[in-house]
Amino acid sequence: MLPAKKKSKNDKRKRRAHHALTPAHIVACPKCGNARLPHCACGRCGYVSRKLVLQTHTAAEE
């Protein structure tokens, strides 16, 4: 079935107003200062809020 009326550009843009992308929230690791996502282990040292969670190659060598 076809629509009865054409959707205006304004109606289309209002409908898609909540489709905008948001930037990723990045924080610094408290131990090494590397950029990481919050509540996730650091990729460089493996720490989350000063507690060791993951054993990484660099952390094992230290």
PDB file of N, CA and C in Angstrom:
ATOM      1  N   MET A   1       0.829  -1.175   0.000  1.00  0.00           N
ATOM      2  CA  MET A   1       0.000   0.000   0.000  1.00  0.00           C
ATOM      3  C   MET A   1       0.878   1.245   0.000  1.00  0.00           C
ATOM      4  N   LEU A   2       0.484   2.248  -0.697  1.00  0.00           N
ATOM      5  CA  LEU A   2       1.255   3.474  -0.792  1.00  0.00           C
ATOM      6  C   LEU A   2       0.812   4.479   0.264  1.00  0.00           C
ATOM      7  N   PRO A   3       1.721   5.363   0.688  1.00  0.00           N
ATOM      8  CA  PRO A   3       1.318   6.391   1.643  1.00  0.00           C
ATOM      9  C   PRO A   3       0.368   7.399   0.993  1.00  0.00           C
ATOM     10  N   ALA A   4      -0.536   7.938   1.817  1.00  0.00           N
ATOM     11  CA  ALA A   4      -1.525   8.874   1.290  1.00  0.00           C
ATOM     12  C   ALA A   4      -0.900  10.218   0.943  1.00  0.00           C
ATOM     13  N   LYS A   5       0.090  10.654   1.724  1.00  0.00           N
ATOM     14  CA  LYS A   5       0.749  11.935   1.479  1.00  0.00           C
ATOM     15  C   LYS A   5       2.259  11.752   1.560  1.00  0.00           C
ATOM     16  N   LYS A   6       2.953  12.643   0.882  1.00  0.00           N
ATOM     17  CA  LYS A   6       4.410  12.617   0.928  1.00  0.00           C
ATOM     18  C   LYS A   6       4.885  13.116   2.297  1.00  0.00           C
ATOM     19  N   LYS A   7       5.886  12.442   2.860  1.00  0.00           N
ATOM     20  CA  LYS A   7       6.494  12.907   4.112  1.00  0.00           C
ATOM     21  C   LYS A   7       7.391  14.086   3.798  1.00  0.00           C
ATOM     22  N   SER A   8       7.232  15.161   4.535  1.00  0.00           N
ATOM     23  CA  SER A   8       8.086  16.324   4.313  1.00  0.00           C
ATOM     24  C   SER A   8       9.485  16.062   4.878  1.00  0.00           C
ATOM     25  N   LYS A   9      10.450  16.863   4.465  1.00  0.00           N
ATOM     26  CA  LYS A   9      11.815  16.727   4.970  1.00  0.00           C
ATOM     27  C   LYS A   9      11.853  16.966   6.473  1.00  0.00           C
ATOM     28  N   ASN A  10      11.046  17.876   6.945  1.00  0.00           N
ATOM     29  CA  ASN A  10      11.010  18.185   8.368  1.00  0.00           C
ATOM     30  C   ASN A  10      10.497  16.990   9.166  1.00  0.00           C
ATOM     31  N   ASP A  11       9.458  16.322   8.685  1.00  0.00           N
ATOM     32  CA  ASP A  11       8.933  15.152   9.384  1.00  0.00           C
ATOM     33  C   ASP A  11       9.977  14.039   9.420  1.00  0.00           C
ATOM     34  N   LYS A  12      10.683  13.856   8.316  1.00  0.00           N
ATOM     35  CA  LYS A  12      11.709  12.821   8.254  1.00  0.00           C
ATOM     36  C   LYS A  12      12.841  13.130   9.224  1.00  0.00           C
ATOM     37  N   ARG A  13      13.260  14.374   9.309  1.00  0.00           N
ATOM     38  CA  ARG A  13      14.358  14.760  10.198  1.00  0.00           C
ATOM     39  C   ARG A  13      13.945  14.688  11.667  1.00  0.00           C
ATOM     40  N   LYS A  14      12.686  15.019  11.966  1.00  0.00           N
ATOM     41  CA  LYS A  14      12.207  14.897  13.344  1.00  0.00           C
ATOM     42  C   LYS A  14      12.171  13.440  13.783  1.00  0.00           C
ATOM     43  N   ARG A  15      11.799  12.553  12.867  1.00  0.00           N
ATOM     44  CA  ARG A  15      11.736  11.140  13.194  1.00  0.00           C
ATOM     45  C   ARG A  15      13.130  10.583  13.460  1.00  0.00           C
ATOM     46  N   ARG A  16      14.128  11.087  12.755  1.00  0.00           N
ATOM     47  CA  ARG A  16      15.500  10.581  12.884  1.00  0.00           C
ATOM     48  C   ARG A  16      16.347  11.399  13.847  1.00  0.00           C
ATOM     49  N   ALA A  17      15.735  12.227  14.647  1.00  0.00           N
ATOM     50  CA  ALA A  17      16.490  13.118  15.532  1.00  0.00           C
ATOM     51  C   ALA A  17      17.267  12.346  16.587  1.00  0.00           C
ATOM     52  N   HIS A  18      16.802  11.177  16.989  1.00  0.00           N
ATOM     53  CA  HIS A  18      17.479  10.406  18.030  1.00  0.00           C
ATOM     54  C   HIS A  18      18.467   9.389  17.464  1.00  0.00           C
ATOM     55  N   HIS A  19      18.747   9.417  16.166  1.00  0.00           N
ATOM     56  CA  HIS A  19      19.661   8.469  15.541  1.00  0.00           C
ATOM     57  C   HIS A  19      21.108   8.948  15.554  1.00  0.00           C
ATOM     58  N   ALA A  20      21.398  10.060  16.186  1.00  0.00           N
ATOM     59  CA  ALA A  20      22.749  10.618  16.169  1.00  0.00           C
ATOM     60  C   ALA A  20      23.716   9.719  16.930  1.00  0.00           C
ATOM     61  N   LEU A  21      24.965   9.682  16.481  1.00  0.00           N
ATOM     62  CA  LEU A  21      25.996   8.898  17.145  1.00  0.00           C
ATOM     63  C   LEU A  21      26.578   9.688  18.306  1.00  0.00           C
ATOM     64  N   THR A  22      26.949   8.987  19.363  1.00  0.00           N
ATOM     65  CA  THR A  22      27.588   9.635  20.503  1.00  0.00           C
ATOM     66  C   THR A  22      29.038   9.159  20.573  1.00  0.00           C
ATOM     67  N   PRO A  23      29.961  10.027  20.948  1.00  0.00           N
ATOM     68  CA  PRO A  23      31.368   9.607  21.025  1.00  0.00           C
ATOM     69  C   PRO A  23      31.599   8.656  22.196  1.00  0.00           C
ATOM     70  N   ALA A  24      32.587   7.795  22.040  1.00  0.00           N
ATOM     71  CA  ALA A  24      32.925   6.844  23.099  1.00  0.00           C
ATOM     72  C   ALA A  24      33.553   7.584  24.265  1.00  0.00           C
ATOM     73  N   HIS A  25      33.174   7.209  25.482  1.00  0.00           N
ATOM     74  CA  HIS A  25      33.714   7.836  26.685  1.00  0.00           C
ATOM     75  C   HIS A  25      35.013   7.128  27.028  1.00  0.00           C
ATOM     76  N   ILE A  26      36.128   7.857  26.999  1.00  0.00           N
ATOM     77  CA  ILE A  26      37.445   7.274  27.241  1.00  0.00           C
ATOM     78  C   ILE A  26      38.044   7.929  28.475  1.00  0.00           C
ATOM     79  N   VAL A  27      38.601   7.105  29.355  1.00  0.00           N
ATOM     80  CA  VAL A  27      39.246   7.594  30.576  1.00  0.00           C
ATOM     81  C   VAL A  27      40.698   7.127  30.582  1.00  0.00           C
ATOM     82  N   ALA A  28      41.502   7.741  31.425  1.00  0.00           N
ATOM     83  CA  ALA A  28      42.904   7.352  31.556  1.00  0.00           C
ATOM     84  C   ALA A  28      43.030   6.262  32.618  1.00  0.00           C
ATOM     85  N   CYS A  29      43.900   5.312  32.362  1.00  0.00           N
ATOM     86  CA  CYS A  29      44.165   4.242  33.323  1.00  0.00           C
ATOM     87  C   CYS A  29      44.833   4.855  34.552  1.00  0.00           C
ATOM     88  N   PRO A  30      44.398   4.515  35.778  1.00  0.00           N
ATOM     89  CA  PRO A  30      44.999   5.116  36.968  1.00  0.00           C
ATOM     90  C   PRO A  30      46.433   4.659  37.215  1.00  0.00           C
ATOM     91  N   LYS A  31      46.825   3.527  36.649  1.00  0.00           N
ATOM     92  CA  LYS A  31      48.166   3.013  36.889  1.00  0.00           C
ATOM     93  C   LYS A  31      49.174   3.484  35.839  1.00  0.00           C
ATOM     94  N   CYS A  32      48.841   3.300  34.537  1.00  0.00           N
ATOM     95  CA  CYS A  32      49.815   3.612  33.489  1.00  0.00           C
ATOM     96  C   CYS A  32      49.446   4.847  32.663  1.00  0.00           C
ATOM     97  N   GLY A  33      48.217   5.330  32.752  1.00  0.00           N
ATOM     98  CA  GLY A  33      47.812   6.517  32.014  1.00  0.00           C
ATOM     99  C   GLY A  33      47.356   6.248  30.596  1.00  0.00           C
ATOM    100  N   ASN A  34      47.276   4.989  30.194  1.00  0.00           N
ATOM    101  CA  ASN A  34      46.829   4.631  28.859  1.00  0.00           C
ATOM    102  C   ASN A  34      45.321   4.882  28.738  1.00  0.00           C
ATOM    103  N   ALA A  35      44.852   5.224  27.539  1.00  0.00           N
ATOM    104  CA  ALA A  35      43.424   5.443  27.314  1.00  0.00           C
ATOM    105  C   ALA A  35      42.698   4.102  27.312  1.00  0.00           C
ATOM    106  N   ARG A  36      41.554   4.053  27.996  1.00  0.00           N
ATOM    107  CA  ARG A  36      40.756   2.828  28.054  1.00  0.00           C
ATOM    108  C   ARG A  36      39.300   3.189  28.274  1.00  0.00           C
ATOM    109  N   LEU A  37      38.401   2.223  28.096  1.00  0.00           N
ATOM    110  CA  LEU A  37      36.990   2.416  28.373  1.00  0.00           C
ATOM    111  C   LEU A  37      36.749   2.281  29.873  1.00  0.00           C
ATOM    112  N   PRO A  38      35.781   3.012  30.420  1.00  0.00           N
ATOM    113  CA  PRO A  38      35.509   2.901  31.852  1.00  0.00           C
ATOM    114  C   PRO A  38      34.957   1.524  32.202  1.00  0.00           C
ATOM    115  N   HIS A  39      35.265   1.040  33.396  1.00  0.00           N
ATOM    116  CA  HIS A  39      34.819  -0.251  33.923  1.00  0.00           C
ATOM    117  C   HIS A  39      35.376  -1.415  33.107  1.00  0.00           C
ATOM    118  N   CYS A  40      36.465  -1.200  32.381  1.00  0.00           N
ATOM    119  CA  CYS A  40      37.105  -2.255  31.598  1.00  0.00           C
ATOM    120  C   CYS A  40      38.580  -2.304  31.962  1.00  0.00           C
ATOM    121  N   ALA A  41      39.177  -3.471  31.786  1.00  0.00           N
ATOM    122  CA  ALA A  41      40.593  -3.627  32.086  1.00  0.00           C
ATOM    123  C   ALA A  41      41.429  -2.887  31.051  1.00  0.00           C
ATOM    124  N   CYS A  42      42.566  -2.372  31.495  1.00  0.00           N
ATOM    125  CA  CYS A  42      43.494  -1.669  30.617  1.00  0.00           C
ATOM    126  C   CYS A  42      44.182  -2.680  29.708  1.00  0.00           C
ATOM    127  N   GLY A  43      44.343  -2.352  28.447  1.00  0.00           N
ATOM    128  CA  GLY A  43      44.985  -3.248  27.505  1.00  0.00           C
ATOM    129  C   GLY A  43      46.488  -3.325  27.688  1.00  0.00           C
ATOM    130  N   ARG A  44      47.084  -2.291  28.264  1.00  0.00           N
ATOM    131  CA  ARG A  44      48.534  -2.271  28.433  1.00  0.00           C
ATOM    132  C   ARG A  44      48.975  -2.974  29.711  1.00  0.00           C
ATOM    133  N   CYS A  45      48.354  -2.631  30.846  1.00  0.00           N
ATOM    134  CA  CYS A  45      48.829  -3.183  32.120  1.00  0.00           C
ATOM    135  C   CYS A  45      47.868  -4.201  32.732  1.00  0.00           C
ATOM    136  N   GLY A  46      46.588  -4.245  32.300  1.00  0.00           N
ATOM    137  CA  GLY A  46      45.642  -5.232  32.810  1.00  0.00           C
ATOM    138  C   GLY A  46      44.983  -4.857  34.118  1.00  0.00           C
ATOM    139  N   TYR A  47      45.076  -3.603  34.528  1.00  0.00           N
ATOM    140  CA  TYR A  47      44.511  -3.183  35.806  1.00  0.00           C
ATOM    141  C   TYR A  47      43.168  -2.484  35.612  1.00  0.00           C
ATOM    142  N   VAL A  48      42.292  -2.648  36.625  1.00  0.00           N
ATOM    143  CA  VAL A  48      41.049  -1.903  36.724  1.00  0.00           C
ATOM    144  C   VAL A  48      41.024  -1.326  38.127  1.00  0.00           C
ATOM    145  N   SER A  49      41.025  -0.018  38.262  1.00  0.00           N
ATOM    146  CA  SER A  49      40.998   0.689  39.538  1.00  0.00           C
ATOM    147  C   SER A  49      42.004   0.123  40.539  1.00  0.00           C
ATOM    148  N   ARG A  50      43.243   0.012  40.118  1.00  0.00           N
ATOM    149  CA  ARG A  50      44.397  -0.391  40.923  1.00  0.00           C
ATOM    150  C   ARG A  50      44.377  -1.847  41.378  1.00  0.00           C
ATOM    151  N   LYS A  51      43.504  -2.694  40.811  1.00  0.00           N
ATOM    152  CA  LYS A  51      43.506  -4.124  41.108  1.00  0.00           C
ATOM    153  C   LYS A  51      43.831  -4.879  39.827  1.00  0.00           C
ATOM    154  N   LEU A  52      44.736  -5.838  39.889  1.00  0.00           N
ATOM    155  CA  LEU A  52      45.120  -6.620  38.728  1.00  0.00           C
ATOM    156  C   LEU A  52      43.997  -7.566  38.355  1.00  0.00           C
ATOM    157  N   VAL A  53      43.566  -7.496  37.104  1.00  0.00           N
ATOM    158  CA  VAL A  53      42.495  -8.353  36.634  1.00  0.00           C
ATOM    159  C   VAL A  53      43.007  -9.300  35.547  1.00  0.00           C
ATOM    160  N   LEU A  54      43.764  -8.746  34.590  1.00  0.00           N
ATOM    161  CA  LEU A  54      44.271  -9.534  33.475  1.00  0.00           C
ATOM    162  C   LEU A  54      45.790  -9.586  33.507  1.00  0.00           C
ATOM    163  N   GLN A  55      46.349 -10.745  33.222  1.00  0.00           N
ATOM    164  CA  GLN A  55      47.790 -10.867  33.076  1.00  0.00           C
ATOM    165  C   GLN A  55      48.133 -10.563  31.618  1.00  0.00           C
ATOM    166  N   THR A  56      48.886  -9.497  31.384  1.00  0.00           N
ATOM    167  CA  THR A  56      49.326  -9.164  30.034  1.00  0.00           C
ATOM    168  C   THR A  56      50.806  -9.459  29.927  1.00  0.00           C
ATOM    169  N   HIS A  57      51.304  -9.446  28.706  1.00  0.00           N
ATOM    170  CA  HIS A  57      52.723  -9.732  28.489  1.00  0.00           C
ATOM    171  C   HIS A  57      53.602  -8.696  29.173  1.00  0.00           C
ATOM    172  N   THR A  58      53.206  -7.419  29.092  1.00  0.00           N
ATOM    173  CA  THR A  58      54.023  -6.367  29.718  1.00  0.00           C
ATOM    174  C   THR A  58      53.935  -6.439  31.233  1.00  0.00           C
ATOM    175  N   ALA A  59      52.782  -6.833  31.773  1.00  0.00           N
ATOM    176  CA  ALA A  59      52.635  -6.926  33.228  1.00  0.00           C
ATOM    177  C   ALA A  59      53.420  -8.126  33.759  1.00  0.00           C
ATOM    178  N   ALA A  60      53.501  -9.203  32.985  1.00  0.00           N
ATOM    179  CA  ALA A  60      54.234 -10.378  33.423  1.00  0.00           C
ATOM    180  C   ALA A  60      55.747 -10.134  33.392  1.00  0.00           C
ATOM    181  N   GLU A  61      56.203  -9.274  32.489  1.00  0.00           N
ATOM    182  CA  GLU A  61      57.631  -8.980  32.371  1.00  0.00           C
ATOM    183  C   GLU A  61      58.118  -8.057  33.454  1.00  0.00           C
ATOM    184  N   GLU A  62      57.242  -7.263  34.050  1.00  0.00           N
ATOM    185  CA  GLU A  62      57.647  -6.279  35.063  1.00  0.00           C
ATOM    186  C   GLU A  62      58.052  -6.917  36.355  1.00  0.00           C
TER     187      GLU A  62
END
